[in-house]
Amino acid sequence: MRPIKFIVTGAAAAAVHLWVLWLLVDLTQLAPLLANPAAFILAFVVSYLGHSLWTFNHKQHVHRNALVK
């Protein structure tokens, strides 16, 4: 089951990255070089939280310590 959760979480993060990038470039006319880092950061948060809380079920650790690692 964990490989499926890993794939779903990764696909969700990729979809968030593409959707936010499209939203920022097409709707707000933000330059792609500025929109891409913003989209990446949001996708990274989705990936981190998805893997941490769902894929690997780490609900007891301190996210600040884990994020640094």
N, C-alpha and C. Protein backbone atom coordinates (compact mmCIF):
# COMPACT_ATOMS: atom_id res chain seq x y z
N MET A 1 0.82 -1.20 0.00
CA MET A 1 0.00 0.00 0.00
C MET A 1 0.86 1.27 0.00
N ARG A 2 2.04 1.20 0.65
CA ARG A 2 2.89 2.38 0.74
C ARG A 2 3.35 2.85 -0.64
N PRO A 3 3.73 1.95 -1.58
CA PRO A 3 4.13 2.45 -2.90
C PRO A 3 3.01 3.21 -3.62
N ILE A 4 1.78 2.78 -3.43
CA ILE A 4 0.66 3.48 -4.06
C ILE A 4 0.49 4.86 -3.44
N LYS A 5 0.60 4.94 -2.11
CA LYS A 5 0.50 6.24 -1.44
C LYS A 5 1.63 7.17 -1.89
N PHE A 6 2.82 6.60 -2.08
CA PHE A 6 3.97 7.39 -2.52
C PHE A 6 3.72 7.97 -3.92
N ILE A 7 3.20 7.14 -4.81
CA ILE A 7 2.91 7.58 -6.18
C ILE A 7 1.80 8.62 -6.20
N VAL A 8 0.74 8.40 -5.43
CA VAL A 8 -0.38 9.34 -5.40
C VAL A 8 0.06 10.69 -4.84
N THR A 9 0.86 10.66 -3.77
CA THR A 9 1.35 11.90 -3.18
C THR A 9 2.26 12.65 -4.15
N GLY A 10 3.15 11.94 -4.82
CA GLY A 10 4.03 12.57 -5.80
C GLY A 10 3.25 13.16 -6.97
N ALA A 11 2.25 12.43 -7.42
CA ALA A 11 1.42 12.93 -8.52
C ALA A 11 0.63 14.17 -8.09
N ALA A 12 0.15 14.16 -6.85
CA ALA A 12 -0.58 15.32 -6.34
C ALA A 12 0.34 16.54 -6.26
N ALA A 13 1.56 16.34 -5.80
CA ALA A 13 2.51 17.45 -5.72
C ALA A 13 2.85 17.98 -7.12
N ALA A 14 3.03 17.08 -8.07
CA ALA A 14 3.32 17.51 -9.44
C ALA A 14 2.13 18.28 -10.03
N ALA A 15 0.92 17.80 -9.75
CA ALA A 15 -0.28 18.48 -10.25
C ALA A 15 -0.41 19.87 -9.62
N VAL A 16 -0.11 19.98 -8.34
CA VAL A 16 -0.16 21.29 -7.67
C VAL A 16 0.86 22.23 -8.30
N HIS A 17 2.06 21.73 -8.55
CA HIS A 17 3.10 22.56 -9.16
C HIS A 17 2.63 23.09 -10.52
N LEU A 18 2.13 22.19 -11.37
CA LEU A 18 1.69 22.61 -12.70
C LEU A 18 0.49 23.56 -12.63
N TRP A 19 -0.46 23.27 -11.75
CA TRP A 19 -1.66 24.10 -11.64
C TRP A 19 -1.32 25.50 -11.13
N VAL A 20 -0.49 25.59 -10.10
CA VAL A 20 -0.11 26.89 -9.55
C VAL A 20 0.72 27.67 -10.57
N LEU A 21 1.61 26.98 -11.26
CA LEU A 21 2.42 27.63 -12.30
C LEU A 21 1.51 28.20 -13.39
N TRP A 22 0.57 27.40 -13.86
CA TRP A 22 -0.36 27.88 -14.88
C TRP A 22 -1.16 29.07 -14.36
N LEU A 23 -1.65 28.95 -13.13
CA LEU A 23 -2.45 30.01 -12.54
C LEU A 23 -1.67 31.32 -12.47
N LEU A 24 -0.44 31.26 -12.00
CA LEU A 24 0.37 32.46 -11.84
C LEU A 24 0.78 33.08 -13.19
N VAL A 25 1.12 32.24 -14.16
CA VAL A 25 1.59 32.75 -15.45
C VAL A 25 0.42 33.24 -16.30
N ASP A 26 -0.61 32.42 -16.42
CA ASP A 26 -1.72 32.79 -17.32
C ASP A 26 -2.69 33.80 -16.74
N LEU A 27 -3.03 33.65 -15.50
CA LEU A 27 -4.06 34.53 -14.94
C LEU A 27 -3.51 35.82 -14.34
N THR A 28 -2.32 35.77 -13.76
CA THR A 28 -1.77 36.98 -13.14
C THR A 28 -0.66 37.60 -13.98
N GLN A 29 -0.30 36.95 -15.08
CA GLN A 29 0.74 37.44 -16.00
C GLN A 29 2.11 37.57 -15.32
N LEU A 30 2.34 36.76 -14.30
CA LEU A 30 3.64 36.75 -13.63
C LEU A 30 4.65 36.05 -14.53
N ALA A 31 5.86 36.53 -14.55
CA ALA A 31 6.91 35.93 -15.38
C ALA A 31 7.16 34.48 -14.94
N PRO A 32 7.34 33.57 -15.89
CA PRO A 32 7.57 32.17 -15.54
C PRO A 32 8.75 31.95 -14.59
N LEU A 33 9.80 32.77 -14.73
CA LEU A 33 10.95 32.61 -13.84
C LEU A 33 10.63 32.98 -12.40
N LEU A 34 9.62 33.77 -12.18
CA LEU A 34 9.18 34.09 -10.83
C LEU A 34 8.08 33.14 -10.36
N ALA A 35 7.25 32.71 -11.28
CA ALA A 35 6.14 31.83 -10.93
C ALA A 35 6.62 30.42 -10.58
N ASN A 36 7.65 29.95 -11.24
CA ASN A 36 8.09 28.58 -11.01
C ASN A 36 8.58 28.34 -9.59
N PRO A 37 9.41 29.19 -9.00
CA PRO A 37 9.81 28.95 -7.61
C PRO A 37 8.62 28.98 -6.64
N ALA A 38 7.68 29.86 -6.87
CA ALA A 38 6.49 29.92 -6.01
C ALA A 38 5.70 28.62 -6.12
N ALA A 39 5.52 28.13 -7.34
CA ALA A 39 4.80 26.88 -7.55
C ALA A 39 5.56 25.70 -6.94
N PHE A 40 6.88 25.71 -7.07
CA PHE A 40 7.70 24.65 -6.50
C PHE A 40 7.56 24.60 -4.98
N ILE A 41 7.60 25.76 -4.35
CA ILE A 41 7.51 25.80 -2.88
C ILE A 41 6.17 25.24 -2.41
N LEU A 42 5.10 25.60 -3.07
CA LEU A 42 3.80 25.07 -2.69
C LEU A 42 3.72 23.57 -2.93
N ALA A 43 4.26 23.11 -4.05
CA ALA A 43 4.27 21.67 -4.35
C ALA A 43 5.15 20.92 -3.34
N PHE A 44 6.24 21.54 -2.91
CA PHE A 44 7.10 20.92 -1.90
C PHE A 44 6.36 20.73 -0.59
N VAL A 45 5.58 21.72 -0.19
CA VAL A 45 4.79 21.62 1.04
C VAL A 45 3.77 20.49 0.92
N VAL A 46 3.10 20.40 -0.22
CA VAL A 46 2.14 19.32 -0.45
C VAL A 46 2.84 17.97 -0.38
N SER A 47 3.99 17.86 -1.02
CA SER A 47 4.75 16.61 -1.01
C SER A 47 5.21 16.24 0.40
N TYR A 48 5.78 17.20 1.09
CA TYR A 48 6.29 16.94 2.44
C TYR A 48 5.16 16.50 3.38
N LEU A 49 4.09 17.26 3.41
CA LEU A 49 2.99 16.91 4.30
C LEU A 49 2.31 15.60 3.90
N GLY A 50 2.15 15.40 2.61
CA GLY A 50 1.53 14.16 2.14
C GLY A 50 2.36 12.94 2.51
N HIS A 51 3.66 13.01 2.29
CA HIS A 51 4.51 11.87 2.63
C HIS A 51 4.64 11.72 4.13
N SER A 52 4.79 12.81 4.83
CA SER A 52 4.98 12.75 6.27
C SER A 52 3.74 12.23 6.99
N LEU A 53 2.59 12.77 6.64
CA LEU A 53 1.38 12.44 7.39
C LEU A 53 0.60 11.24 6.82
N TRP A 54 0.73 10.99 5.51
CA TRP A 54 -0.08 9.93 4.91
C TRP A 54 0.76 8.73 4.49
N THR A 55 1.79 8.95 3.67
CA THR A 55 2.58 7.85 3.15
C THR A 55 3.32 7.12 4.28
N PHE A 56 4.04 7.87 5.11
CA PHE A 56 4.86 7.26 6.15
C PHE A 56 4.25 7.37 7.54
N ASN A 57 3.11 8.05 7.66
CA ASN A 57 2.31 8.11 8.88
C ASN A 57 3.12 8.56 10.10
N HIS A 58 3.90 9.62 9.94
CA HIS A 58 4.69 10.17 11.05
C HIS A 58 3.92 11.31 11.70
N LYS A 59 3.02 10.98 12.55
CA LYS A 59 2.19 12.02 13.19
C LYS A 59 2.77 12.49 14.51
N GLN A 60 3.80 11.82 15.01
CA GLN A 60 4.32 12.13 16.33
C GLN A 60 5.57 13.00 16.30
N HIS A 61 6.22 13.18 15.16
CA HIS A 61 7.48 13.92 15.15
C HIS A 61 7.25 15.43 14.98
N VAL A 62 8.26 16.17 15.33
CA VAL A 62 8.23 17.63 15.19
C VAL A 62 8.61 17.96 13.76
N HIS A 63 7.72 18.61 13.01
CA HIS A 63 7.97 18.88 11.59
C HIS A 63 9.17 19.79 11.37
N ARG A 64 9.41 20.70 12.27
CA ARG A 64 10.55 21.62 12.11
C ARG A 64 11.86 20.84 12.09
N ASN A 65 12.02 19.86 12.97
CA ASN A 65 13.23 19.04 13.00
C ASN A 65 13.33 18.14 11.77
N ALA A 66 12.22 17.55 11.37
CA ALA A 66 12.23 16.67 10.21
C ALA A 66 12.48 17.44 8.92
N LEU A 67 11.95 18.63 8.81
CA LEU A 67 12.13 19.43 7.60
C LEU A 67 13.59 19.81 7.39
N VAL A 68 14.29 20.09 8.48
CA VAL A 68 15.71 20.44 8.37
C VAL A 68 16.52 19.25 7.85
N LYS A 69 16.16 18.06 8.29
CA LYS A 69 16.88 16.85 7.87
C LYS A 69 16.62 16.56 6.42
